[in-house]
Amino acid sequence: MTNIIHKLQNIIKTTSTITSTNIIFMQQFLKQHNYALLPDEFVEFLHYFNGISYNGSVIYGIYTNENLQDISNTNTSIIHPLHKDLVFLGHNDFDYLAYNQKHQIYQIIDKADFEVLEEYQDLSPALQHILKIDYE
């Protein structure tokens, strides 16, 4: 995961203002609304970037400004039949990035029909896919 963090820090000049308290409140919100919790890798990511908009793609943050999307607002607005197992983490023009807590896997899900297109064990390749970053 460190490689993707360093790569993004070189591309995106921003810092996170997220606190552990913010993350705890978000996890409580997700649990209260029957959504999957944020995976540990994504929580680590939030400590570096509280949301990203890059290359036409968005990774959601917590309590973001008007330019980025918030995890809680986005997850309550997406109607997915398996929402109890999923937490949506980002999107690009055609796909969502979600974490499936039941299967402990990151998924690229088609926006149109919710078909799972790709699955990743780790966050880094999933972020590279959704953000359209070349693999090096």
C-alpha atoms as a PDB file:
ATOM      1  CA  MET A   1       0.000   0.000   0.000  1.00  0.00           C
ATOM      2  CA  THR A   2       2.926   2.343   0.626  1.00  0.00           C
ATOM      3  CA  ASN A   3       3.765   2.485  -3.092  1.00  0.00           C
ATOM      4  CA  ILE A   4       0.325   3.788  -4.075  1.00  0.00           C
ATOM      5  CA  ILE A   5       0.410   6.338  -1.235  1.00  0.00           C
ATOM      6  CA  HIS A   6       3.783   7.685  -2.414  1.00  0.00           C
ATOM      7  CA  LYS A   7       2.668   7.692  -6.033  1.00  0.00           C
ATOM      8  CA  LEU A   8      -0.500   9.633  -5.159  1.00  0.00           C
ATOM      9  CA  GLN A   9       1.412  12.083  -2.958  1.00  0.00           C
ATOM     10  CA  ASN A  10       3.562  12.931  -5.987  1.00  0.00           C
ATOM     11  CA  ILE A  11       0.495  13.408  -8.186  1.00  0.00           C
ATOM     12  CA  ILE A  12      -1.946  15.026  -5.768  1.00  0.00           C
ATOM     13  CA  LYS A  13      -0.712  17.830  -3.573  1.00  0.00           C
ATOM     14  CA  THR A  14      -3.105  17.609  -0.645  1.00  0.00           C
ATOM     15  CA  THR A  15      -3.051  16.580   2.965  1.00  0.00           C
ATOM     16  CA  SER A  16      -5.658  14.852   5.033  1.00  0.00           C
ATOM     17  CA  THR A  17      -7.347  16.566   7.937  1.00  0.00           C
ATOM     18  CA  ILE A  18      -9.080  13.413   9.079  1.00  0.00           C
ATOM     19  CA  THR A  19      -8.896  12.414  12.731  1.00  0.00           C
ATOM     20  CA  SER A  20      -9.381   9.087  14.445  1.00  0.00           C
ATOM     21  CA  THR A  21     -12.575  10.508  15.944  1.00  0.00           C
ATOM     22  CA  ASN A  22     -13.919  11.239  12.436  1.00  0.00           C
ATOM     23  CA  ILE A  23     -13.201   7.660  11.415  1.00  0.00           C
ATOM     24  CA  ILE A  24     -14.874   6.250  14.528  1.00  0.00           C
ATOM     25  CA  PHE A  25     -17.992   8.352  13.866  1.00  0.00           C
ATOM     26  CA  MET A  26     -18.059   7.190  10.234  1.00  0.00           C
ATOM     27  CA  GLN A  27     -17.761   3.539  11.254  1.00  0.00           C
ATOM     28  CA  GLN A  28     -20.612   4.048  13.748  1.00  0.00           C
ATOM     29  CA  PHE A  29     -22.747   5.705  11.057  1.00  0.00           C
ATOM     30  CA  LEU A  30     -22.141   2.841   8.627  1.00  0.00           C
ATOM     31  CA  LYS A  31     -22.943   0.235  11.277  1.00  0.00           C
ATOM     32  CA  GLN A  32     -26.131   2.034  12.371  1.00  0.00           C
ATOM     33  CA  HIS A  33     -27.332   2.177   8.762  1.00  0.00           C
ATOM     34  CA  ASN A  34     -26.488  -1.485   8.046  1.00  0.00           C
ATOM     35  CA  TYR A  35     -23.580  -0.880   5.692  1.00  0.00           C
ATOM     36  CA  ALA A  36     -20.265  -2.693   5.724  1.00  0.00           C
ATOM     37  CA  LEU A  37     -17.514  -1.007   7.716  1.00  0.00           C
ATOM     38  CA  LEU A  38     -14.499   0.683   6.175  1.00  0.00           C
ATOM     39  CA  PRO A  39     -11.643  -1.804   5.795  1.00  0.00           C
ATOM     40  CA  ASP A  40      -8.414  -1.130   7.686  1.00  0.00           C
ATOM     41  CA  GLU A  41      -6.461  -0.426   4.485  1.00  0.00           C
ATOM     42  CA  PHE A  42      -8.914   2.280   3.485  1.00  0.00           C
ATOM     43  CA  VAL A  43      -8.808   3.783   6.970  1.00  0.00           C
ATOM     44  CA  GLU A  44      -5.014   4.005   6.591  1.00  0.00           C
ATOM     45  CA  PHE A  45      -5.529   5.649   3.187  1.00  0.00           C
ATOM     46  CA  LEU A  46      -7.844   8.252   4.774  1.00  0.00           C
ATOM     47  CA  HIS A  47      -5.034   9.331   7.082  1.00  0.00           C
ATOM     48  CA  TYR A  48      -3.148  10.476   3.956  1.00  0.00           C
ATOM     49  CA  PHE A  49      -6.028  11.553   1.706  1.00  0.00           C
ATOM     50  CA  ASN A  50      -9.494  12.553   2.845  1.00  0.00           C
ATOM     51  CA  GLY A  51     -10.963  11.978  -0.582  1.00  0.00           C
ATOM     52  CA  ILE A  52      -9.411  12.396  -4.014  1.00  0.00           C
ATOM     53  CA  SER A  53     -10.605  13.695  -7.336  1.00  0.00           C
ATOM     54  CA  TYR A  54      -8.192  12.647 -10.081  1.00  0.00           C
ATOM     55  CA  ASN A  55      -8.353  11.776 -13.760  1.00  0.00           C
ATOM     56  CA  GLY A  56     -12.178  11.914 -13.793  1.00  0.00           C
ATOM     57  CA  SER A  57     -12.396   9.558 -10.813  1.00  0.00           C
ATOM     58  CA  VAL A  58     -13.327  10.139  -7.178  1.00  0.00           C
ATOM     59  CA  ILE A  59     -12.328   8.393  -3.987  1.00  0.00           C
ATOM     60  CA  TYR A  60     -14.720   9.340  -1.212  1.00  0.00           C
ATOM     61  CA  GLY A  61     -13.689  10.945   2.050  1.00  0.00           C
ATOM     62  CA  ILE A  62     -15.233  11.801   5.390  1.00  0.00           C
ATOM     63  CA  TYR A  63     -16.922  15.180   5.869  1.00  0.00           C
ATOM     64  CA  THR A  64     -15.499  16.453   2.599  1.00  0.00           C
ATOM     65  CA  ASN A  65     -15.947  19.830   0.958  1.00  0.00           C
ATOM     66  CA  GLU A  66     -18.213  20.573  -1.988  1.00  0.00           C
ATOM     67  CA  ASN A  67     -15.617  19.311  -4.499  1.00  0.00           C
ATOM     68  CA  LEU A  68     -15.482  15.744  -3.162  1.00  0.00           C
ATOM     69  CA  GLN A  69     -18.042  13.180  -2.113  1.00  0.00           C
ATOM     70  CA  ASP A  70     -18.642  11.984   1.424  1.00  0.00           C
ATOM     71  CA  ILE A  71     -18.733   8.260   2.224  1.00  0.00           C
ATOM     72  CA  SER A  72     -21.944   8.495   4.251  1.00  0.00           C
ATOM     73  CA  ASN A  73     -23.904  10.573   1.728  1.00  0.00           C
ATOM     74  CA  THR A  74     -22.787   8.468  -1.206  1.00  0.00           C
ATOM     75  CA  ASN A  75     -23.554   5.129   0.427  1.00  0.00           C
ATOM     76  CA  THR A  76     -27.051   6.214   1.437  1.00  0.00           C
ATOM     77  CA  SER A  77     -27.758   7.405  -2.107  1.00  0.00           C
ATOM     78  CA  ILE A  78     -26.679   4.205  -3.908  1.00  0.00           C
ATOM     79  CA  ILE A  79     -29.403   1.561  -3.862  1.00  0.00           C
ATOM     80  CA  HIS A  80     -27.643  -1.793  -4.121  1.00  0.00           C
ATOM     81  CA  PRO A  81     -29.297  -5.123  -3.238  1.00  0.00           C
ATOM     82  CA  LEU A  82     -26.246  -6.243  -1.221  1.00  0.00           C
ATOM     83  CA  HIS A  83     -25.696  -2.961   0.624  1.00  0.00           C
ATOM     84  CA  LYS A  84     -25.313  -4.756   3.974  1.00  0.00           C
ATOM     85  CA  ASP A  85     -22.149  -6.419   2.650  1.00  0.00           C
ATOM     86  CA  LEU A  86     -20.768  -3.404   0.767  1.00  0.00           C
ATOM     87  CA  VAL A  87     -19.337   0.002   1.420  1.00  0.00           C
ATOM     88  CA  PHE A  88     -18.792   2.182  -1.641  1.00  0.00           C
ATOM     89  CA  LEU A  89     -15.402   3.903  -1.617  1.00  0.00           C
ATOM     90  CA  GLY A  90     -15.197   5.668  -4.983  1.00  0.00           C
ATOM     91  CA  HIS A  91     -16.181   5.780  -8.640  1.00  0.00           C
ATOM     92  CA  ASN A  92     -15.149   6.711 -12.144  1.00  0.00           C
ATOM     93  CA  ASP A  93     -17.340   7.353 -15.198  1.00  0.00           C
ATOM     94  CA  PHE A  94     -18.537   3.756 -15.472  1.00  0.00           C
ATOM     95  CA  ASP A  95     -17.686   1.873 -12.289  1.00  0.00           C
ATOM     96  CA  TYR A  96     -17.841   1.950  -8.512  1.00  0.00           C
ATOM     97  CA  LEU A  97     -15.082   0.885  -6.160  1.00  0.00           C
ATOM     98  CA  ALA A  98     -16.573  -1.001  -3.214  1.00  0.00           C
ATOM     99  CA  TYR A  99     -15.395  -3.192  -0.401  1.00  0.00           C
ATOM    100  CA  ASN A 100     -17.314  -6.407   0.151  1.00  0.00           C
ATOM    101  CA  GLN A 101     -16.969  -7.101   3.855  1.00  0.00           C
ATOM    102  CA  LYS A 102     -18.544 -10.559   3.668  1.00  0.00           C
ATOM    103  CA  HIS A 103     -15.910 -11.776   1.194  1.00  0.00           C
ATOM    104  CA  GLN A 104     -13.185  -9.345   2.385  1.00  0.00           C
ATOM    105  CA  ILE A 105     -12.425  -8.175  -1.129  1.00  0.00           C
ATOM    106  CA  TYR A 106     -12.374  -4.927  -3.097  1.00  0.00           C
ATOM    107  CA  GLN A 107     -14.700  -4.957  -6.085  1.00  0.00           C
ATOM    108  CA  ILE A 108     -15.048  -2.895  -9.226  1.00  0.00           C
ATOM    109  CA  ILE A 109     -18.791  -2.801  -9.858  1.00  0.00           C
ATOM    110  CA  ASP A 110     -20.486  -1.620 -13.051  1.00  0.00           C
ATOM    111  CA  LYS A 111     -22.687   1.428 -12.361  1.00  0.00           C
ATOM    112  CA  ALA A 112     -25.362   0.390 -14.844  1.00  0.00           C
ATOM    113  CA  ASP A 113     -26.173  -3.146 -13.693  1.00  0.00           C
ATOM    114  CA  PHE A 114     -24.113  -3.649 -10.491  1.00  0.00           C
ATOM    115  CA  GLU A 115     -22.209  -6.528 -12.081  1.00  0.00           C
ATOM    116  CA  VAL A 116     -18.852  -7.223 -10.424  1.00  0.00           C
ATOM    117  CA  LEU A 117     -16.210  -6.646 -13.097  1.00  0.00           C
ATOM    118  CA  GLU A 118     -12.968  -7.098 -11.144  1.00  0.00           C
ATOM    119  CA  GLU A 119     -11.939  -8.179  -7.661  1.00  0.00           C
ATOM    120  CA  TYR A 120      -8.797  -7.288  -5.723  1.00  0.00           C
ATOM    121  CA  GLN A 121      -7.410  -8.646  -2.473  1.00  0.00           C
ATOM    122  CA  ASP A 122      -5.614  -5.363  -1.715  1.00  0.00           C
ATOM    123  CA  LEU A 123      -6.568  -1.702  -1.917  1.00  0.00           C
ATOM    124  CA  SER A 124      -3.585  -0.541  -4.021  1.00  0.00           C
ATOM    125  CA  PRO A 125      -4.485  -2.282  -7.302  1.00  0.00           C
ATOM    126  CA  ALA A 126      -8.157  -1.401  -6.796  1.00  0.00           C
ATOM    127  CA  LEU A 127      -7.225   2.283  -6.411  1.00  0.00           C
ATOM    128  CA  GLN A 128      -4.963   2.105  -9.447  1.00  0.00           C
ATOM    129  CA  HIS A 129      -7.837   0.602 -11.451  1.00  0.00           C
ATOM    130  CA  ILE A 130     -10.502   3.130 -10.436  1.00  0.00           C
ATOM    131  CA  LEU A 131      -8.143   6.152 -10.633  1.00  0.00           C
ATOM    132  CA  LYS A 132      -6.755   4.991 -13.998  1.00  0.00           C
ATOM    133  CA  ILE A 133      -3.144   5.108 -12.826  1.00  0.00           C
ATOM    134  CA  ASP A 134      -0.640   3.199 -14.926  1.00  0.00           C
ATOM    135  CA  TYR A 135       0.993   0.217 -13.275  1.00  0.00           C
ATOM    136  CA  GLU A 136       4.742   0.640 -12.982  1.00  0.00           C
END
